[in-house]
Protein backbone atom coordinates (compact mmCIF):
# COMPACT_ATOMS: atom_id res chain seq x y z
CA GLY A 1 40.57 -15.51 -29.60
CA ARG A 2 39.21 -12.13 -30.31
CA ASN A 3 38.34 -9.54 -27.67
CA ASP A 4 35.48 -7.11 -28.08
CA THR A 5 35.08 -4.07 -25.90
CA ILE A 6 31.67 -2.67 -25.10
CA ASN A 7 31.42 0.80 -23.63
CA PHE A 8 28.25 1.97 -21.93
CA SER A 9 27.16 4.52 -19.38
CA ILE A 10 24.34 4.58 -16.87
CA GLU A 11 22.75 7.80 -15.76
CA ILE A 12 21.04 7.75 -12.39
CA LYS A 13 18.80 10.59 -11.32
CA ALA A 14 17.32 10.91 -7.86
CA ALA A 15 13.59 11.34 -7.75
CA GLU A 16 12.58 14.70 -6.34
CA ASP A 17 9.58 13.26 -4.52
CA THR A 18 10.20 9.86 -2.94
CA SER A 19 6.82 9.60 -1.23
CA GLY A 20 5.11 7.82 -4.12
CA SER A 21 2.37 8.56 -6.57
CA VAL A 22 -0.69 6.89 -8.02
CA GLY A 23 0.12 3.73 -9.95
CA ASP A 24 3.73 3.23 -8.89
CA GLY A 25 3.04 0.72 -6.10
CA SER A 26 4.35 2.94 -3.31
CA LEU A 27 1.19 4.49 -1.92
CA LEU A 28 0.26 1.71 0.48
CA SER A 29 2.37 -0.49 2.74
CA ILE A 30 1.33 -2.73 5.60
CA TYR A 31 3.30 -3.94 8.61
CA PRO A 32 3.37 -6.59 9.94
CA ASN A 33 2.06 -8.81 7.17
CA PRO A 34 1.07 -11.50 7.93
CA VAL A 35 -0.50 -10.30 11.17
CA VAL A 36 -1.97 -12.24 14.09
CA SER A 37 -5.69 -11.53 14.46
CA GLY A 38 -6.26 -9.12 17.33
CA ASN A 39 -2.95 -7.30 16.82
CA ILE A 40 -2.46 -3.81 15.42
CA ILE A 41 -1.71 -3.32 11.72
CA THR A 42 0.34 -0.28 10.77
CA VAL A 43 -0.57 1.07 7.35
CA PHE A 44 1.50 3.72 5.57
CA VAL A 45 -0.42 5.90 3.12
CA GLY A 46 1.80 7.81 0.69
CA ASN A 47 1.41 11.04 -1.22
CA VAL A 48 -2.31 11.30 -2.01
CA ALA A 49 -4.87 14.05 -1.80
CA VAL A 50 -6.82 13.28 1.37
CA GLU A 51 -10.17 14.66 0.23
CA ASN A 52 -12.45 11.72 -0.63
CA THR A 53 -9.74 9.20 0.29
CA GLN A 54 -10.25 6.05 2.32
CA LEU A 55 -8.91 2.59 3.01
CA GLN A 56 -11.26 -0.28 2.27
CA LEU A 57 -10.68 -3.73 3.74
CA ALA A 58 -12.35 -6.60 1.89
CA ASP A 59 -12.32 -10.33 2.52
CA ALA A 60 -11.15 -12.93 -0.01
CA GLN A 61 -14.63 -12.98 -1.61
CA GLY A 62 -14.54 -9.21 -2.16
CA LYS A 63 -17.05 -8.37 0.59
CA LEU A 64 -16.28 -5.00 2.17
CA VAL A 65 -15.42 -5.59 5.84
CA ARG A 66 -14.32 -2.14 7.03
CA THR A 67 -13.70 1.38 5.77
CA TYR A 68 -11.24 3.87 7.24
CA LYS A 69 -11.14 7.58 6.39
CA ILE A 70 -7.74 9.03 5.47
CA THR A 71 -7.08 12.41 7.06
CA SER A 72 -3.44 13.04 6.07
CA SER A 73 -1.04 11.80 3.40
CA ASN A 74 2.47 10.45 3.95
CA SER A 75 1.30 9.11 7.30
CA ASN A 76 1.10 5.89 9.29
CA TYR A 77 -2.26 4.66 10.55
CA SER A 78 -2.52 2.11 13.35
CA ILE A 79 -5.53 -0.10 12.88
CA GLN A 80 -6.74 -2.34 15.69
CA GLN A 81 -8.48 -5.33 14.16
CA ASN A 82 -9.98 -8.59 15.29
CA LEU A 83 -10.69 -10.42 12.06
CA ALA A 84 -11.03 -14.12 11.34
CA GLN A 85 -8.02 -15.93 9.89
CA GLY A 86 -7.65 -15.72 6.13
CA GLU A 87 -6.76 -13.44 3.25
CA TYR A 88 -7.97 -9.85 3.07
CA PHE A 89 -7.33 -7.04 0.64
CA LEU A 90 -6.67 -3.47 1.75
CA SER A 91 -7.33 -0.92 -0.97
CA LEU A 92 -6.51 2.77 -1.12
CA VAL A 93 -9.51 4.47 -2.71
CA VAL A 94 -9.36 8.05 -4.01
CA ASN A 95 -12.54 9.66 -5.39
CA GLY A 96 -14.20 6.26 -5.65
CA LYS A 97 -11.35 4.66 -7.63
CA ILE A 98 -8.97 2.03 -6.29
CA VAL A 99 -5.43 3.31 -6.79
CA GLU A 100 -3.57 0.52 -4.98
CA THR A 101 -4.36 -2.75 -3.24
CA GLU A 102 -2.26 -4.92 -0.92
CA LYS A 103 -3.02 -8.42 0.31
CA VAL A 104 -3.15 -8.88 4.11
CA LEU A 105 -2.86 -12.33 5.66
CA MET A 106 -4.52 -12.82 9.07
CA LEU A 107 -3.12 -15.67 11.17
C-alpha cells in the first residue's frame, strides 16, 4: 500500500459583533417554541435599528394577527398571547421589509 499525507490548516476568527445582523438568521429567536396557548412567549430581537422596527405575527394563511413595536435592540420581549392552536409566523420588519421570520407553533 501507498500512504499519502495531506496537510491543511484552518483559520478561525472570532466575530467582533456576535449579536447578529440582517440576513444571517440570528436576529429573531423565540422561546418556548412550541408554546401552549395562553402562555408567555419570549422573543429575542438582535442587533437592529429600532426606528421603524416591529414584530408582525401572522397566521398560517398570512393574515396579520398582531403587531408589536420594537423599542430596543439586543433585547428580550415577553409577549402574552392567547391564540388558537396552529402555526403562526413571527416576522421582524424593519422599514417595511421583512428581515427574518420564524415559525411559532401554538399547542
